[in-house]
Every structure is written in structure tokens, then in C-alpha cells.
PDB file of N, CA and C in Angstrom:
ATOM      1  N   MET A   1    -125.068  74.325 102.822  1.00  0.00           N
ATOM      2  CA  MET A   1    -125.368  74.631 104.196  1.00  0.00           C
ATOM      3  C   MET A   1    -126.085  73.437 104.823  1.00  0.00           C
ATOM      4  N   ARG A   2    -125.690  73.056 105.990  1.00  0.00           N
ATOM      5  CA  ARG A   2    -126.275  71.913 106.676  1.00  0.00           C
ATOM      6  C   ARG A   2    -127.307  72.391 107.685  1.00  0.00           C
ATOM      7  N   ASP A   3    -128.434  71.686 107.717  1.00  0.00           N
ATOM      8  CA  ASP A   3    -129.464  71.970 108.708  1.00  0.00           C
ATOM      9  C   ASP A   3    -129.196  71.069 109.901  1.00  0.00           C
ATOM     10  N   ASP A   4    -128.602  71.600 110.960  1.00  0.00           N
ATOM     11  CA  ASP A   4    -128.198  70.785 112.096  1.00  0.00           C
ATOM     12  C   ASP A   4    -129.359  70.301 112.942  1.00  0.00           C
ATOM     13  N   THR A   5    -130.580  70.749 112.662  1.00  0.00           N
ATOM     14  CA  THR A   5    -131.723  70.250 113.408  1.00  0.00           C
ATOM     15  C   THR A   5    -132.256  68.962 112.807  1.00  0.00           C
ATOM     16  N   SER A   6    -131.747  68.547 111.683  1.00  0.00           N
ATOM     17  CA  SER A   6    -132.210  67.349 110.991  1.00  0.00           C
ATOM     18  C   SER A   6    -131.367  66.144 111.377  1.00  0.00           C
ATOM     19  N   ASP A   7    -131.982  64.950 111.342  1.00  0.00           N
ATOM     20  CA  ASP A   7    -131.245  63.719 111.582  1.00  0.00           C
ATOM     21  C   ASP A   7    -130.496  63.259 110.338  1.00  0.00           C
ATOM     22  N   SER A   8    -130.774  63.869 109.217  1.00  0.00           N
ATOM     23  CA  SER A   8    -130.186  63.451 107.950  1.00  0.00           C
ATOM     24  C   SER A   8    -128.776  64.007 107.779  1.00  0.00           C
ATOM     25  N   PRO A   9    -127.863  63.179 107.238  1.00  0.00           N
ATOM     26  CA  PRO A   9    -126.516  63.670 106.936  1.00  0.00           C
ATOM     27  C   PRO A   9    -126.471  64.468 105.638  1.00  0.00           C
ATOM     28  N   LEU A  10    -127.611  64.597 104.951  1.00  0.00           N
ATOM     29  CA  LEU A  10    -127.642  65.272 103.660  1.00  0.00           C
ATOM     30  C   LEU A  10    -127.683  66.785 103.828  1.00  0.00           C
ATOM     31  N   PRO A  11    -126.960  67.482 102.966  1.00  0.00           N
ATOM     32  CA  PRO A  11    -127.045  68.944 103.009  1.00  0.00           C
ATOM     33  C   PRO A  11    -128.393  69.400 102.464  1.00  0.00           C
ATOM     34  N   ARG A  12    -128.850  70.536 102.918  1.00  0.00           N
ATOM     35  CA  ARG A  12    -130.044  71.148 102.331  1.00  0.00           C
ATOM     36  C   ARG A  12    -129.557  72.240 101.398  1.00  0.00           C
ATOM     37  N   ASP A  13    -130.148  72.292 100.215  1.00  0.00           N
ATOM     38  CA  ASP A  13    -129.768  73.351  99.290  1.00  0.00           C
ATOM     39  C   ASP A  13    -130.965  73.745  98.445  1.00  0.00           C
ATOM     40  N   ALA A  14    -130.906  74.916  97.896  1.00  0.00           N
ATOM     41  CA  ALA A  14    -132.009  75.431  97.092  1.00  0.00           C
ATOM     42  C   ALA A  14    -132.001  74.851  95.677  1.00  0.00           C
ATOM     43  N   ASP A  15    -130.951  74.132  95.332  1.00  0.00           N
ATOM     44  CA  ASP A  15    -130.821  73.606  93.973  1.00  0.00           C
ATOM     45  C   ASP A  15    -131.486  72.248  93.782  1.00  0.00           C
ATOM     46  N   HIS A  16    -131.889  71.585  94.868  1.00  0.00           N
ATOM     47  CA  HIS A  16    -132.444  70.238  94.762  1.00  0.00           C
ATOM     48  C   HIS A  16    -133.591  70.026  95.730  1.00  0.00           C
ATOM     49  N   ILE A  17    -134.484  69.127  95.332  1.00  0.00           N
ATOM     50  CA  ILE A  17    -135.495  68.579  96.218  1.00  0.00           C
ATOM     51  C   ILE A  17    -135.027  67.159  96.503  1.00  0.00           C
ATOM     52  N   TRP A  18    -134.873  66.804  97.755  1.00  0.00           N
ATOM     53  CA  TRP A  18    -134.356  65.475  98.099  1.00  0.00           C
ATOM     54  C   TRP A  18    -135.512  64.505  98.305  1.00  0.00           C
ATOM     55  N   LEU A  19    -135.560  63.474  97.469  1.00  0.00           N
ATOM     56  CA  LEU A  19    -136.525  62.393  97.628  1.00  0.00           C
ATOM     57  C   LEU A  19    -135.842  61.316  98.459  1.00  0.00           C
ATOM     58  N   ARG A  20    -136.441  60.956  99.592  1.00  0.00           N
ATOM     59  CA  ARG A  20    -135.790  60.017 100.512  1.00  0.00           C
ATOM     60  C   ARG A  20    -136.691  58.826 100.799  1.00  0.00           C
ATOM     61  N   GLN A  21    -136.072  57.676 100.933  1.00  0.00           N
ATOM     62  CA  GLN A  21    -136.761  56.447 101.319  1.00  0.00           C
ATOM     63  C   GLN A  21    -135.816  55.667 102.203  1.00  0.00           C
ATOM     64  N   SER A  22    -136.326  55.103 103.278  1.00  0.00           N
ATOM     65  CA  SER A  22    -135.469  54.276 104.134  1.00  0.00           C
ATOM     66  C   SER A  22    -136.198  53.002 104.496  1.00  0.00           C
ATOM     67  N   VAL A  23    -135.417  51.994 104.818  1.00  0.00           N
ATOM     68  CA  VAL A  23    -135.952  50.711 105.265  1.00  0.00           C
ATOM     69  C   VAL A  23    -135.083  50.231 106.420  1.00  0.00           C
ATOM     70  N   THR A  24    -135.717  49.692 107.439  1.00  0.00           N
ATOM     71  CA  THR A  24    -135.007  49.131 108.585  1.00  0.00           C
ATOM     72  C   THR A  24    -135.327  47.642 108.651  1.00  0.00           C
ATOM     73  N   PHE A  25    -134.298  46.833 108.890  1.00  0.00           N
ATOM     74  CA  PHE A  25    -134.487  45.385 108.940  1.00  0.00           C
ATOM     75  C   PHE A  25    -133.464  44.794 109.903  1.00  0.00           C
ATOM     76  N   ALA A  26    -133.683  43.541 110.270  1.00  0.00           N
ATOM     77  CA  ALA A  26    -132.768  42.853 111.188  1.00  0.00           C
ATOM     78  C   ALA A  26    -132.072  41.715 110.457  1.00  0.00           C
ATOM     79  N   VAL A  27    -130.775  41.576 110.733  1.00  0.00           N
ATOM     80  CA  VAL A  27    -129.964  40.495 110.185  1.00  0.00           C
ATOM     81  C   VAL A  27    -129.141  39.918 111.331  1.00  0.00           C
ATOM     82  N   ASN A  28    -129.342  38.651 111.617  1.00  0.00           N
ATOM     83  CA  ASN A  28    -128.598  37.991 112.690  1.00  0.00           C
ATOM     84  C   ASN A  28    -128.647  38.782 114.002  1.00  0.00           C
ATOM     85  N   GLY A  29    -129.829  39.302 114.311  1.00  0.00           N
ATOM     86  CA  GLY A  29    -129.996  40.030 115.562  1.00  0.00           C
ATOM     87  C   GLY A  29    -129.527  41.476 115.538  1.00  0.00           C
ATOM     88  N   GLN A  30    -128.998  41.925 114.419  1.00  0.00           N
ATOM     89  CA  GLN A  30    -128.552  43.314 114.298  1.00  0.00           C
ATOM     90  C   GLN A  30    -129.574  44.102 113.474  1.00  0.00           C
ATOM     91  N   THR A  31    -129.930  45.272 113.959  1.00  0.00           N
ATOM     92  CA  THR A  31    -130.845  46.128 113.221  1.00  0.00           C
ATOM     93  C   THR A  31    -130.039  47.020 112.285  1.00  0.00           C
ATOM     94  N   ARG A  32    -130.488  47.069 111.043  1.00  0.00           N
ATOM     95  CA  ARG A  32    -129.803  47.874 110.030  1.00  0.00           C
ATOM     96  C   ARG A  32    -130.808  48.768 109.329  1.00  0.00           C
ATOM     97  N   THR A  33    -130.372  49.948 108.949  1.00  0.00           N
ATOM     98  CA  THR A  33    -131.215  50.881 108.206  1.00  0.00           C
ATOM     99  C   THR A  33    -130.475  51.313 106.954  1.00  0.00           C
ATOM    100  N   LEU A  34    -131.154  51.218 105.841  1.00  0.00           N
ATOM    101  CA  LEU A  34    -130.621  51.714 104.569  1.00  0.00           C
ATOM    102  C   LEU A  34    -131.456  52.908 104.153  1.00  0.00           C
ATOM    103  N   GLU A  35    -130.785  53.935 103.690  1.00  0.00           N
ATOM    104  CA  GLU A  35    -131.494  55.122 103.222  1.00  0.00           C
ATOM    105  C   GLU A  35    -131.016  55.464 101.823  1.00  0.00           C
ATOM    106  N   LEU A  36    -131.963  55.766 100.989  1.00  0.00           N
ATOM    107  CA  LEU A  36    -131.689  56.186  99.627  1.00  0.00           C
ATOM    108  C   LEU A  36    -132.161  57.629  99.507  1.00  0.00           C
ATOM    109  N   ALA A  37    -131.320  58.499  99.008  1.00  0.00           N
ATOM    110  CA  ALA A  37    -131.680  59.905  98.822  1.00  0.00           C
ATOM    111  C   ALA A  37    -131.343  60.309  97.397  1.00  0.00           C
ATOM    112  N   LEU A  38    -132.318  60.865  96.723  1.00  0.00           N
ATOM    113  CA  LEU A  38    -132.139  61.267  95.336  1.00  0.00           C
ATOM    114  C   LEU A  38    -132.266  62.779  95.227  1.00  0.00           C
ATOM    115  N   PRO A  39    -131.250  63.452  94.662  1.00  0.00           N
ATOM    116  CA  PRO A  39    -131.343  64.896  94.481  1.00  0.00           C
ATOM    117  C   PRO A  39    -132.088  65.220  93.185  1.00  0.00           C
ATOM    118  N   LEU A  40    -133.288  65.734  93.324  1.00  0.00           N
ATOM    119  CA  LEU A  40    -134.112  66.069  92.165  1.00  0.00           C
ATOM    120  C   LEU A  40    -134.078  67.575  91.949  1.00  0.00           C
ATOM    121  N   ARG A  41    -133.707  67.957  90.766  1.00  0.00           N
ATOM    122  CA  ARG A  41    -133.643  69.376  90.421  1.00  0.00           C
ATOM    123  C   ARG A  41    -135.059  69.906  90.223  1.00  0.00           C
ATOM    124  N   PRO A  42    -135.421  71.020  90.874  1.00  0.00           N
ATOM    125  CA  PRO A  42    -136.741  71.606  90.620  1.00  0.00           C
ATOM    126  C   PRO A  42    -136.912  71.869  89.126  1.00  0.00           C
ATOM    127  N   GLY A  43    -138.049  71.516  88.602  1.00  0.00           N
ATOM    128  CA  GLY A  43    -138.300  71.710  87.181  1.00  0.00           C
ATOM    129  C   GLY A  43    -137.781  70.577  86.311  1.00  0.00           C
ATOM    130  N   ALA A  44    -137.314  69.490  86.935  1.00  0.00           N
ATOM    131  CA  ALA A  44    -136.806  68.352  86.167  1.00  0.00           C
ATOM    132  C   ALA A  44    -137.915  67.810  85.265  1.00  0.00           C
ATOM    133  N   THR A  45    -137.524  67.381  84.089  1.00  0.00           N
ATOM    134  CA  THR A  45    -138.498  66.810  83.153  1.00  0.00           C
ATOM    135  C   THR A  45    -138.869  65.403  83.608  1.00  0.00           C
ATOM    136  N   PRO A  46    -139.994  64.889  83.147  1.00  0.00           N
ATOM    137  CA  PRO A  46    -140.348  63.506  83.469  1.00  0.00           C
ATOM    138  C   PRO A  46    -139.262  62.505  83.059  1.00  0.00           C
ATOM    139  N   ASP A  47    -138.592  62.766  81.942  1.00  0.00           N
ATOM    140  CA  ASP A  47    -137.505  61.874  81.510  1.00  0.00           C
ATOM    141  C   ASP A  47    -136.325  61.917  82.476  1.00  0.00           C
ATOM    142  N   GLU A  48    -136.004  63.103  82.987  1.00  0.00           N
ATOM    143  CA  GLU A  48    -134.918  63.216  83.970  1.00  0.00           C
ATOM    144  C   GLU A  48    -135.266  62.479  85.257  1.00  0.00           C
ATOM    145  N   VAL A  49    -136.514  62.620  85.700  1.00  0.00           N
ATOM    146  CA  VAL A  49    -136.952  61.925  86.911  1.00  0.00           C
ATOM    147  C   VAL A  49    -136.876  60.417  86.698  1.00  0.00           C
ATOM    148  N   GLU A  50    -137.352  59.952  85.568  1.00  0.00           N
ATOM    149  CA  GLU A  50    -137.328  58.518  85.261  1.00  0.00           C
ATOM    150  C   GLU A  50    -135.898  57.990  85.220  1.00  0.00           C
ATOM    151  N   SER A  51    -134.995  58.740  84.623  1.00  0.00           N
ATOM    152  CA  SER A  51    -133.589  58.336  84.554  1.00  0.00           C
ATOM    153  C   SER A  51    -132.969  58.257  85.950  1.00  0.00           C
ATOM    154  N   LEU A  52    -133.275  59.236  86.783  1.00  0.00           N
ATOM    155  CA  LEU A  52    -132.765  59.245  88.151  1.00  0.00           C
ATOM    156  C   LEU A  52    -133.294  58.048  88.939  1.00  0.00           C
ATOM    157  N   LEU A  53    -134.580  57.750  88.805  1.00  0.00           N
ATOM    158  CA  LEU A  53    -135.166  56.596  89.498  1.00  0.00           C
ATOM    159  C   LEU A  53    -134.577  55.282  88.986  1.00  0.00           C
ATOM    160  N   ASP A  54    -134.349  55.182  87.674  1.00  0.00           N
ATOM    161  CA  ASP A  54    -133.725  53.977  87.109  1.00  0.00           C
ATOM    162  C   ASP A  54    -132.321  53.778  87.669  1.00  0.00           C
ATOM    163  N   GLU A  55    -131.559  54.861  87.754  1.00  0.00           N
ATOM    164  CA  GLU A  55    -130.193  54.787  88.294  1.00  0.00           C
ATOM    165  C   GLU A  55    -130.219  54.358  89.762  1.00  0.00           C
ATOM    166  N   ALA A  56    -131.145  54.903  90.526  1.00  0.00           N
ATOM    167  CA  ALA A  56    -131.259  54.538  91.941  1.00  0.00           C
ATOM    168  C   ALA A  56    -131.665  53.075  92.093  1.00  0.00           C
ATOM    169  N   GLU A  57    -132.604  52.623  91.285  1.00  0.00           N
ATOM    170  CA  GLU A  57    -133.046  51.232  91.343  1.00  0.00           C
ATOM    171  C   GLU A  57    -131.895  50.278  91.021  1.00  0.00           C
ATOM    172  N   ALA A  58    -131.101  50.611  90.015  1.00  0.00           N
ATOM    173  CA  ALA A  58    -129.946  49.772  89.661  1.00  0.00           C
ATOM    174  C   ALA A  58    -128.945  49.728  90.814  1.00  0.00           C
ATOM    175  N   GLY A  59    -128.722  50.861  91.464  1.00  0.00           N
ATOM    176  CA  GLY A  59    -127.808  50.895  92.605  1.00  0.00           C
ATOM    177  C   GLY A  59    -128.312  50.052  93.765  1.00  0.00           C
ATOM    178  N   MET A  60    -129.622  50.088  94.017  1.00  0.00           N
ATOM    179  CA  MET A  60    -130.189  49.277  95.097  1.00  0.00           C
ATOM    180  C   MET A  60    -130.080  47.780  94.766  1.00  0.00           C
ATOM    181  N   ARG A  61    -130.236  47.415  93.504  1.00  0.00           N
ATOM    182  CA  ARG A  61    -130.066  46.004  93.114  1.00  0.00           C
ATOM    183  C   ARG A  61    -128.631  45.549  93.368  1.00  0.00           C
ATOM    184  N   ARG A  62    -127.651  46.391  93.016  1.00  0.00           N
ATOM    185  CA  ARG A  62    -126.245  46.048  93.266  1.00  0.00           C
ATOM    186  C   ARG A  62    -125.986  45.906  94.761  1.00  0.00           C
ATOM    187  N   LEU A  63    -126.527  46.820  95.558  1.00  0.00           N
ATOM    188  CA  LEU A  63    -126.356  46.751  97.000  1.00  0.00           C
ATOM    189  C   LEU A  63    -127.012  45.500  97.561  1.00  0.00           C
ATOM    190  N   SER A  64    -128.180  45.182  97.093  1.00  0.00           N
ATOM    191  CA  SER A  64    -128.883  43.990  97.557  1.00  0.00           C
ATOM    192  C   SER A  64    -128.087  42.710  97.280  1.00  0.00           C
ATOM    193  N   ARG A  65    -127.465  42.648  96.102  1.00  0.00           N
ATOM    194  CA  ARG A  65    -126.661  41.460  95.774  1.00  0.00           C
ATOM    195  C   ARG A  65    -125.468  41.347  96.732  1.00  0.00           C
ATOM    196  N   ARG A  66    -124.877  42.446  97.113  1.00  0.00           N
ATOM    197  CA  ARG A  66    -123.742  42.423  98.035  1.00  0.00           C
ATOM    198  C   ARG A  66    -124.154  42.015  99.450  1.00  0.00           C
ATOM    199  N   LEU A  67    -125.393  42.394  99.820  1.00  0.00           N
ATOM    200  CA  LEU A  67    -125.861  42.058 101.164  1.00  0.00           C
ATOM    201  C   LEU A  67    -126.346  40.614 101.266  1.00  0.00           C
ATOM    202  N   ASP A  68    -126.694  40.006 100.150  1.00  0.00           N
ATOM    203  CA  ASP A  68    -127.194  38.611 100.170  1.00  0.00           C
ATOM    204  C   ASP A  68    -126.150  37.627 100.593  1.00  0.00           C
TER     205      ASP A  68
END
């Protein structure tokens, strides 16, 4: 189910807590915003959280290399 009052394109659901981080920057006079959203399962173990954060960090590194 989508919460149409939100600016986020992410669905809201009872199965996940969404951890979100965004950054806005300018490149050649153009403003760009990147948003990272991680679906965290309620009750996730510390190891699951760490694995999810590691996966997100690796994805951001790949994206950063493409933007360079």
C-alpha cells in the first residue's frame, strides 16, 4: 500500500522499517539528489543489520565510481 501523502516513492508496509538517507549536491550547475533506502525487518538481528548496511555501502561505492 502506498502512502500518497509522502514524497517518497517507497511503499509503506508493516513488514519493514525503512532506513533512509539522502544527499543533494551540484554537478556542472545541475542539482542532484541521491537517496538510499534500506528495508529493515522488525526484530532483525545485529548480524542482519550489519549485512544489510555492508550491502548498501558496497552499492554506494559502485554508484560513486560510475558518477566519477
